[in-house]
PDB file of all heavy atoms in Angstrom:
ATOM      1  N   ILE A   1       8.340   5.776   0.422  1.00  0.00           N
ATOM      2  CA  ILE A   1       7.373   4.693   0.433  1.00  0.00           C
ATOM      3  C   ILE A   1       5.983   5.326   0.391  1.00  0.00           C
ATOM      4  O   ILE A   1       5.540   6.065   1.257  1.00  0.00           O
ATOM      5  CB  ILE A   1       7.531   3.845   1.764  1.00  0.00           C
ATOM      6  CG1 ILE A   1       8.977   3.213   1.789  1.00  0.00           C
ATOM      7  CG2 ILE A   1       6.462   2.821   1.795  1.00  0.00           C
ATOM      8  CD1 ILE A   1       9.206   2.514   3.137  1.00  0.00           C
ATOM      9  N   CYS A   2       5.214   4.893  -0.676  1.00  0.00           N
ATOM     10  CA  CYS A   2       3.851   5.371  -0.861  1.00  0.00           C
ATOM     11  C   CYS A   2       2.937   4.205  -0.402  1.00  0.00           C
ATOM     12  O   CYS A   2       2.992   3.069  -1.007  1.00  0.00           O
ATOM     13  CB  CYS A   2       3.624   5.680  -2.320  1.00  0.00           C
ATOM     14  SG  CYS A   2       4.511   7.008  -3.007  1.00  0.00           S
ATOM     15  N   VAL A   3       2.103   4.485   0.550  1.00  0.00           N
ATOM     16  CA  VAL A   3       1.303   3.416   1.134  1.00  0.00           C
ATOM     17  C   VAL A   3      -0.149   3.595   0.552  1.00  0.00           C
ATOM     18  O   VAL A   3      -0.828   4.704   1.001  1.00  0.00           O
ATOM     19  CB  VAL A   3       1.288   3.505   2.710  1.00  0.00           C
ATOM     20  CG1 VAL A   3       0.457   2.306   3.275  1.00  0.00           C
ATOM     21  CG2 VAL A   3       2.729   3.383   3.161  1.00  0.00           C
ATOM     22  N   ASP A   4      -0.530   2.743  -0.189  1.00  0.00           N
ATOM     23  CA  ASP A   4      -1.998   2.734  -0.780  1.00  0.00           C
ATOM     24  C   ASP A   4      -2.848   2.056   0.268  1.00  0.00           C
ATOM     25  O   ASP A   4      -2.672   1.010   0.737  1.00  0.00           O
ATOM     26  CB  ASP A   4      -2.151   2.061  -2.115  1.00  0.00           C
ATOM     27  CG  ASP A   4      -1.169   2.701  -3.181  1.00  0.00           C
ATOM     28  OD1 ASP A   4      -1.076   3.865  -3.212  1.00  0.00           O
ATOM     29  OD2 ASP A   4      -0.644   1.872  -3.987  1.00  0.00           O
ATOM     30  N   ILE A   5      -4.112   2.805   0.582  1.00  0.00           N
ATOM     31  CA  ILE A   5      -4.886   2.341   1.622  1.00  0.00           C
ATOM     32  C   ILE A   5      -6.317   2.276   1.280  1.00  0.00           C
ATOM     33  O   ILE A   5      -6.782   3.133   0.453  1.00  0.00           O
ATOM     34  CB  ILE A   5      -4.802   3.395   2.881  1.00  0.00           C
ATOM     35  CG1 ILE A   5      -3.322   3.360   3.443  1.00  0.00           C
ATOM     36  CG2 ILE A   5      -5.758   2.994   3.937  1.00  0.00           C
ATOM     37  CD1 ILE A   5      -3.127   4.437   4.499  1.00  0.00           C
ATOM     38  N   TRP A   6      -6.947   1.085   1.648  1.00  0.00           N
ATOM     39  CA  TRP A   6      -8.336   0.839   1.419  1.00  0.00           C
ATOM     40  C   TRP A   6      -8.946   0.644   2.801  1.00  0.00           C
ATOM     41  O   TRP A   6      -8.458  -0.139   3.634  1.00  0.00           O
ATOM     42  CB  TRP A   6      -8.602  -0.271   0.491  1.00  0.00           C
ATOM     43  CG  TRP A   6      -8.135  -0.329  -0.881  1.00  0.00           C
ATOM     44  CD1 TRP A   6      -8.957   0.070  -1.964  1.00  0.00           C
ATOM     45  CD2 TRP A   6      -6.835  -0.590  -1.392  1.00  0.00           C
ATOM     46  NE1 TRP A   6      -8.158  -0.087  -3.080  1.00  0.00           N
ATOM     47  CE2 TRP A   6      -6.833  -0.421  -2.739  1.00  0.00           C
ATOM     48  CE3 TRP A   6      -5.664  -0.975  -0.680  1.00  0.00           C
ATOM     49  CZ2 TRP A   6      -5.736  -0.699  -3.497  1.00  0.00           C
ATOM     50  CZ3 TRP A   6      -4.495  -1.237  -1.475  1.00  0.00           C
ATOM     51  CH2 TRP A   6      -4.568  -1.031  -2.880  1.00  0.00           C
ATOM     52  N   LYS A   7     -10.052   1.345   3.114  1.00  0.00           N
ATOM     53  CA  LYS A   7     -10.750   1.038   4.436  1.00  0.00           C
ATOM     54  C   LYS A   7     -12.078   0.559   4.246  1.00  0.00           C
ATOM     55  O   LYS A   7     -12.898   1.162   3.554  1.00  0.00           O
ATOM     56  CB  LYS A   7     -10.789   2.358   5.228  1.00  0.00           C
ATOM     57  CG  LYS A   7     -11.215   2.227   6.704  1.00  0.00           C
ATOM     58  CD  LYS A   7     -11.048   3.459   7.557  1.00  0.00           C
ATOM     59  CE  LYS A   7     -11.313   3.251   9.023  1.00  0.00           C
ATOM     60  NZ  LYS A   7     -12.667   2.594   9.225  1.00  0.00           N
ATOM     61  N   ASP A   8     -12.346  -0.613   4.840  1.00  0.00           N
ATOM     62  CA  ASP A   8     -13.604  -1.237   4.814  1.00  0.00           C
ATOM     63  C   ASP A   8     -14.060  -1.669   6.235  1.00  0.00           C
ATOM     64  O   ASP A   8     -13.530  -2.734   6.710  1.00  0.00           O
ATOM     65  CB  ASP A   8     -13.605  -2.549   4.071  1.00  0.00           C
ATOM     66  CG  ASP A   8     -13.360  -2.123   2.478  1.00  0.00           C
ATOM     67  OD1 ASP A   8     -14.289  -1.554   1.789  1.00  0.00           O
ATOM     68  OD2 ASP A   8     -12.235  -2.375   1.960  1.00  0.00           O
ATOM     69  N   GLY A   9     -14.756  -0.832   6.947  1.00  0.00           N
ATOM     70  CA  GLY A   9     -15.103  -1.118   8.309  1.00  0.00           C
ATOM     71  C   GLY A   9     -13.822  -1.089   9.176  1.00  0.00           C
ATOM     72  O   GLY A   9     -13.035  -0.194   9.100  1.00  0.00           O
ATOM     73  N   ASN A  10     -13.665  -2.239   9.933  1.00  0.00           N
ATOM     74  CA  ASN A  10     -12.492  -2.237  10.787  1.00  0.00           C
ATOM     75  C   ASN A  10     -11.295  -3.001  10.123  1.00  0.00           C
ATOM     76  O   ASN A  10     -10.304  -3.192  10.810  1.00  0.00           O
ATOM     77  CB  ASN A  10     -12.822  -2.902  12.145  1.00  0.00           C
ATOM     78  CG  ASN A  10     -13.099  -4.448  11.921  1.00  0.00           C
ATOM     79  OD1 ASN A  10     -13.765  -4.864  11.004  1.00  0.00           O
ATOM     80  ND2 ASN A  10     -12.570  -5.241  12.835  1.00  0.00           N
ATOM     81  N   ILE A  11     -11.377  -3.099   8.768  1.00  0.00           N
ATOM     82  CA  ILE A  11     -10.331  -3.786   8.130  1.00  0.00           C
ATOM     83  C   ILE A  11      -9.621  -2.698   7.138  1.00  0.00           C
ATOM     84  O   ILE A  11     -10.371  -2.124   6.329  1.00  0.00           O
ATOM     85  CB  ILE A  11     -10.729  -4.966   7.244  1.00  0.00           C
ATOM     86  CG1 ILE A  11     -11.332  -6.104   8.069  1.00  0.00           C
ATOM     87  CG2 ILE A  11      -9.620  -5.492   6.439  1.00  0.00           C
ATOM     88  CD1 ILE A  11     -10.441  -6.650   9.095  1.00  0.00           C
ATOM     89  N   VAL A  12      -8.375  -2.511   7.343  1.00  0.00           N
ATOM     90  CA  VAL A  12      -7.644  -1.556   6.427  1.00  0.00           C
ATOM     91  C   VAL A  12      -6.627  -2.387   5.613  1.00  0.00           C
ATOM     92  O   VAL A  12      -5.725  -3.017   6.111  1.00  0.00           O
ATOM     93  CB  VAL A  12      -6.796  -0.591   7.352  1.00  0.00           C
ATOM     94  CG1 VAL A  12      -6.085   0.306   6.394  1.00  0.00           C
ATOM     95  CG2 VAL A  12      -7.838   0.310   8.117  1.00  0.00           C
ATOM     96  N   SER A  13      -7.007  -2.453   4.310  1.00  0.00           N
ATOM     97  CA  SER A  13      -6.041  -3.128   3.404  1.00  0.00           C
ATOM     98  C   SER A  13      -5.039  -2.117   2.902  1.00  0.00           C
ATOM     99  O   SER A  13      -5.350  -0.920   2.752  1.00  0.00           O
ATOM    100  CB  SER A  13      -6.866  -3.714   2.193  1.00  0.00           C
ATOM    101  OG  SER A  13      -7.824  -4.582   2.601  1.00  0.00           O
ATOM    102  N   PHE A  14      -3.768  -2.599   2.553  1.00  0.00           N
ATOM    103  CA  PHE A  14      -2.790  -1.657   2.113  1.00  0.00           C
ATOM    104  C   PHE A  14      -1.648  -2.453   1.344  1.00  0.00           C
ATOM    105  O   PHE A  14      -1.540  -3.596   1.429  1.00  0.00           O
ATOM    106  CB  PHE A  14      -2.196  -0.851   3.279  1.00  0.00           C
ATOM    107  CG  PHE A  14      -1.458  -1.795   4.238  1.00  0.00           C
ATOM    108  CD1 PHE A  14      -0.073  -1.862   4.217  1.00  0.00           C
ATOM    109  CD2 PHE A  14      -2.121  -2.420   5.362  1.00  0.00           C
ATOM    110  CE1 PHE A  14       0.651  -2.651   5.081  1.00  0.00           C
ATOM    111  CE2 PHE A  14      -1.445  -3.133   6.208  1.00  0.00           C
ATOM    112  CZ  PHE A  14      -0.040  -3.279   6.100  1.00  0.00           C
ATOM    113  N   ARG A  15      -1.057  -1.700   0.428  1.00  0.00           N
ATOM    114  CA  ARG A  15       0.168  -2.148  -0.122  1.00  0.00           C
ATOM    115  C   ARG A  15       1.254  -0.865  -0.125  1.00  0.00           C
ATOM    116  O   ARG A  15       0.757   0.255   0.082  1.00  0.00           O
ATOM    117  CB  ARG A  15      -0.016  -2.629  -1.548  1.00  0.00           C
ATOM    118  CG  ARG A  15      -0.294  -1.552  -2.536  1.00  0.00           C
ATOM    119  CD  ARG A  15      -0.514  -1.924  -3.933  1.00  0.00           C
ATOM    120  NE  ARG A  15      -1.085  -0.909  -4.768  1.00  0.00           N
ATOM    121  CZ  ARG A  15      -2.091  -1.014  -5.752  1.00  0.00           C
ATOM    122  NH1 ARG A  15      -2.601  -2.251  -5.817  1.00  0.00           N
ATOM    123  NH2 ARG A  15      -2.482  -0.020  -6.307  1.00  0.00           N
ATOM    124  N   ALA A  16       2.477  -1.152  -0.309  1.00  0.00           N
ATOM    125  CA  ALA A  16       3.442  -0.056  -0.281  1.00  0.00           C
ATOM    126  C   ALA A  16       4.267  -0.062  -1.589  1.00  0.00           C
ATOM    127  O   ALA A  16       4.689  -1.274  -1.961  1.00  0.00           O
ATOM    128  CB  ALA A  16       4.414  -0.221   0.917  1.00  0.00           C
ATOM    129  N   ARG A  17       4.522   1.032  -2.105  1.00  0.00           N
ATOM    130  CA  ARG A  17       5.337   1.175  -3.329  1.00  0.00           C
ATOM    131  C   ARG A  17       6.384   2.193  -3.090  1.00  0.00           C
ATOM    132  O   ARG A  17       6.248   3.089  -2.363  1.00  0.00           O
ATOM    133  CB  ARG A  17       4.421   1.641  -4.529  1.00  0.00           C
ATOM    134  CG  ARG A  17       3.312   0.767  -4.919  1.00  0.00           C
ATOM    135  CD  ARG A  17       2.397   1.486  -5.942  1.00  0.00           C
ATOM    136  NE  ARG A  17       1.536   2.484  -5.372  1.00  0.00           N
ATOM    137  CZ  ARG A  17       1.832   3.863  -5.568  1.00  0.00           C
ATOM    138  NH1 ARG A  17       2.782   4.183  -6.465  1.00  0.00           N
ATOM    139  NH2 ARG A  17       1.042   4.773  -5.009  1.00  0.00           N
ATOM    140  N   VAL A  18       7.596   1.909  -3.809  1.00  0.00           N
ATOM    141  CA  VAL A  18       8.613   2.928  -3.693  1.00  0.00           C
ATOM    142  C   VAL A  18       8.348   3.967  -4.835  1.00  0.00           C
ATOM    143  O   VAL A  18       8.155   3.573  -6.040  1.00  0.00           O
ATOM    144  CB  VAL A  18       9.974   2.261  -4.014  1.00  0.00           C
ATOM    145  CG1 VAL A  18      11.051   3.334  -4.321  1.00  0.00           C
ATOM    146  CG2 VAL A  18      10.362   1.583  -2.713  1.00  0.00           C
ATOM    147  N   LYS A  19       8.253   5.260  -4.504  1.00  0.00           N
ATOM    148  CA  LYS A  19       7.858   6.285  -5.422  1.00  0.00           C
ATOM    149  C   LYS A  19       8.854   6.397  -6.503  1.00  0.00           C
ATOM    150  O   LYS A  19       8.481   6.642  -7.710  1.00  0.00           O
ATOM    151  CB  LYS A  19       7.735   7.567  -4.603  1.00  0.00           C
ATOM    152  CG  LYS A  19       7.262   8.721  -5.532  1.00  0.00           C
ATOM    153  CD  LYS A  19       7.196   9.947  -4.534  1.00  0.00           C
ATOM    154  CE  LYS A  19       6.730  11.202  -5.334  1.00  0.00           C
ATOM    155  NZ  LYS A  19       6.620  12.407  -4.464  1.00  0.00           N
ATOM    156  N   GLU A  20      10.151   6.361  -6.183  1.00  0.00           N
ATOM    157  CA  GLU A  20      11.240   6.655  -7.159  1.00  0.00           C
ATOM    158  C   GLU A  20      11.249   5.539  -8.246  1.00  0.00           C
ATOM    159  O   GLU A  20      11.750   5.764  -9.389  1.00  0.00           O
ATOM    160  CB  GLU A  20      12.609   6.759  -6.484  1.00  0.00           C
ATOM    161  CG  GLU A  20      12.719   7.952  -5.607  1.00  0.00           C
ATOM    162  CD  GLU A  20      12.094   7.863  -4.275  1.00  0.00           C
ATOM    163  OE1 GLU A  20      11.444   6.878  -3.949  1.00  0.00           O
ATOM    164  OE2 GLU A  20      12.070   8.890  -3.393  1.00  0.00           O
ATOM    165  N   ARG A  21      10.898   4.252  -7.935  1.00  0.00           N
ATOM    166  CA  ARG A  21      11.013   3.191  -8.888  1.00  0.00           C
ATOM    167  C   ARG A  21       9.720   2.600  -9.274  1.00  0.00           C
ATOM    168  O   ARG A  21       9.601   1.688 -10.130  1.00  0.00           O
ATOM    169  CB  ARG A  21      11.959   2.135  -8.266  1.00  0.00           C
ATOM    170  CG  ARG A  21      13.380   2.558  -8.093  1.00  0.00           C
ATOM    171  CD  ARG A  21      14.243   1.421  -7.536  1.00  0.00           C
ATOM    172  NE  ARG A  21      14.056   1.198  -6.074  1.00  0.00           N
ATOM    173  CZ  ARG A  21      13.621   0.088  -5.632  1.00  0.00           C
ATOM    174  NH1 ARG A  21      13.298  -0.916  -6.358  1.00  0.00           N
ATOM    175  NH2 ARG A  21      13.480  -0.105  -4.269  1.00  0.00           N
ATOM    176  N   ASP A  22       8.637   3.032  -8.621  1.00  0.00           N
ATOM    177  CA  ASP A  22       7.334   2.500  -8.762  1.00  0.00           C
ATOM    178  C   ASP A  22       7.251   0.878  -8.613  1.00  0.00           C
ATOM    179  O   ASP A  22       6.684   0.182  -9.382  1.00  0.00           O
ATOM    180  CB  ASP A  22       6.708   2.756 -10.163  1.00  0.00           C
ATOM    181  CG  ASP A  22       5.227   2.562 -10.193  1.00  0.00           C
ATOM    182  OD1 ASP A  22       4.581   2.592  -9.091  1.00  0.00           O
ATOM    183  OD2 ASP A  22       4.645   2.238 -11.232  1.00  0.00           O
ATOM    184  N   ALA A  23       8.074   0.370  -7.638  1.00  0.00           N
ATOM    185  CA  ALA A  23       8.171  -0.951  -7.306  1.00  0.00           C
ATOM    186  C   ALA A  23       7.297  -1.198  -6.068  1.00  0.00           C
ATOM    187  O   ALA A  23       7.441  -0.518  -5.072  1.00  0.00           O
ATOM    188  CB  ALA A  23       9.604  -1.363  -7.053  1.00  0.00           C
ATOM    189  N   VAL A  24       6.492  -2.313  -6.117  1.00  0.00           N
ATOM    190  CA  VAL A  24       5.682  -2.692  -4.948  1.00  0.00           C
ATOM    191  C   VAL A  24       6.661  -3.500  -4.014  1.00  0.00           C
ATOM    192  O   VAL A  24       7.372  -4.452  -4.301  1.00  0.00           O
ATOM    193  CB  VAL A  24       4.591  -3.664  -5.263  1.00  0.00           C
ATOM    194  CG1 VAL A  24       3.848  -4.205  -4.080  1.00  0.00           C
ATOM    195  CG2 VAL A  24       3.550  -2.916  -6.266  1.00  0.00           C
ATOM    196  N   VAL A  25       6.722  -3.002  -2.706  1.00  0.00           N
ATOM    197  CA  VAL A  25       7.624  -3.556  -1.754  1.00  0.00           C
ATOM    198  C   VAL A  25       7.031  -4.371  -0.642  1.00  0.00           C
ATOM    199  O   VAL A  25       7.631  -5.192  -0.141  1.00  0.00           O
ATOM    200  CB  VAL A  25       8.564  -2.485  -1.190  1.00  0.00           C
ATOM    201  CG1 VAL A  25       9.498  -1.852  -2.338  1.00  0.00           C
ATOM    202  CG2 VAL A  25       7.773  -1.402  -0.571  1.00  0.00           C
ATOM    203  N   ILE A  26       5.720  -3.954  -0.357  1.00  0.00           N
ATOM    204  CA  ILE A  26       4.834  -4.750   0.526  1.00  0.00           C
ATOM    205  C   ILE A  26       3.519  -4.858  -0.162  1.00  0.00           C
ATOM    206  O   ILE A  26       3.008  -3.919  -0.742  1.00  0.00           O
ATOM    207  CB  ILE A  26       4.845  -4.107   1.907  1.00  0.00           C
ATOM    208  CG1 ILE A  26       5.932  -4.417   2.792  1.00  0.00           C
ATOM    209  CG2 ILE A  26       3.402  -4.462   2.557  1.00  0.00           C
ATOM    210  CD1 ILE A  26       5.894  -3.960   4.151  1.00  0.00           C
ATOM    211  N   ASN A  27       2.990  -6.211  -0.114  1.00  0.00           N
ATOM    212  CA  ASN A  27       1.646  -6.389  -0.857  1.00  0.00           C
ATOM    213  C   ASN A  27       0.737  -7.090   0.186  1.00  0.00           C
ATOM    214  O   ASN A  27       1.194  -7.639   1.217  1.00  0.00           O
ATOM    215  CB  ASN A  27       1.908  -7.184  -2.070  1.00  0.00           C
ATOM    216  CG  ASN A  27       0.923  -6.906  -3.129  1.00  0.00           C
ATOM    217  OD1 ASN A  27      -0.138  -6.244  -2.918  1.00  0.00           O
ATOM    218  ND2 ASN A  27       1.193  -7.322  -4.387  1.00  0.00           N
ATOM    219  N   ASN A  28      -0.529  -7.203  -0.194  1.00  0.00           N
ATOM    220  CA  ASN A  28      -1.514  -7.905   0.606  1.00  0.00           C
ATOM    221  C   ASN A  28      -1.590  -7.551   2.063  1.00  0.00           C
ATOM    222  O   ASN A  28      -1.768  -8.346   2.843  1.00  0.00           O
ATOM    223  CB  ASN A  28      -1.193  -9.437   0.389  1.00  0.00           C
ATOM    224  CG  ASN A  28      -1.081  -9.871  -0.984  1.00  0.00           C
ATOM    225  OD1 ASN A  28      -0.022 -10.019  -1.525  1.00  0.00           O
ATOM    226  ND2 ASN A  28      -2.157 -10.042  -1.695  1.00  0.00           N
TER     227      ASN A  28
END
């Protein structure tokens, strides 16, 4: 699971992708 992370102050936005299939498994 690859977790893409954005940090803006005290809010951390993220999504998760499966590396082997490049499929988004968690969004928003």
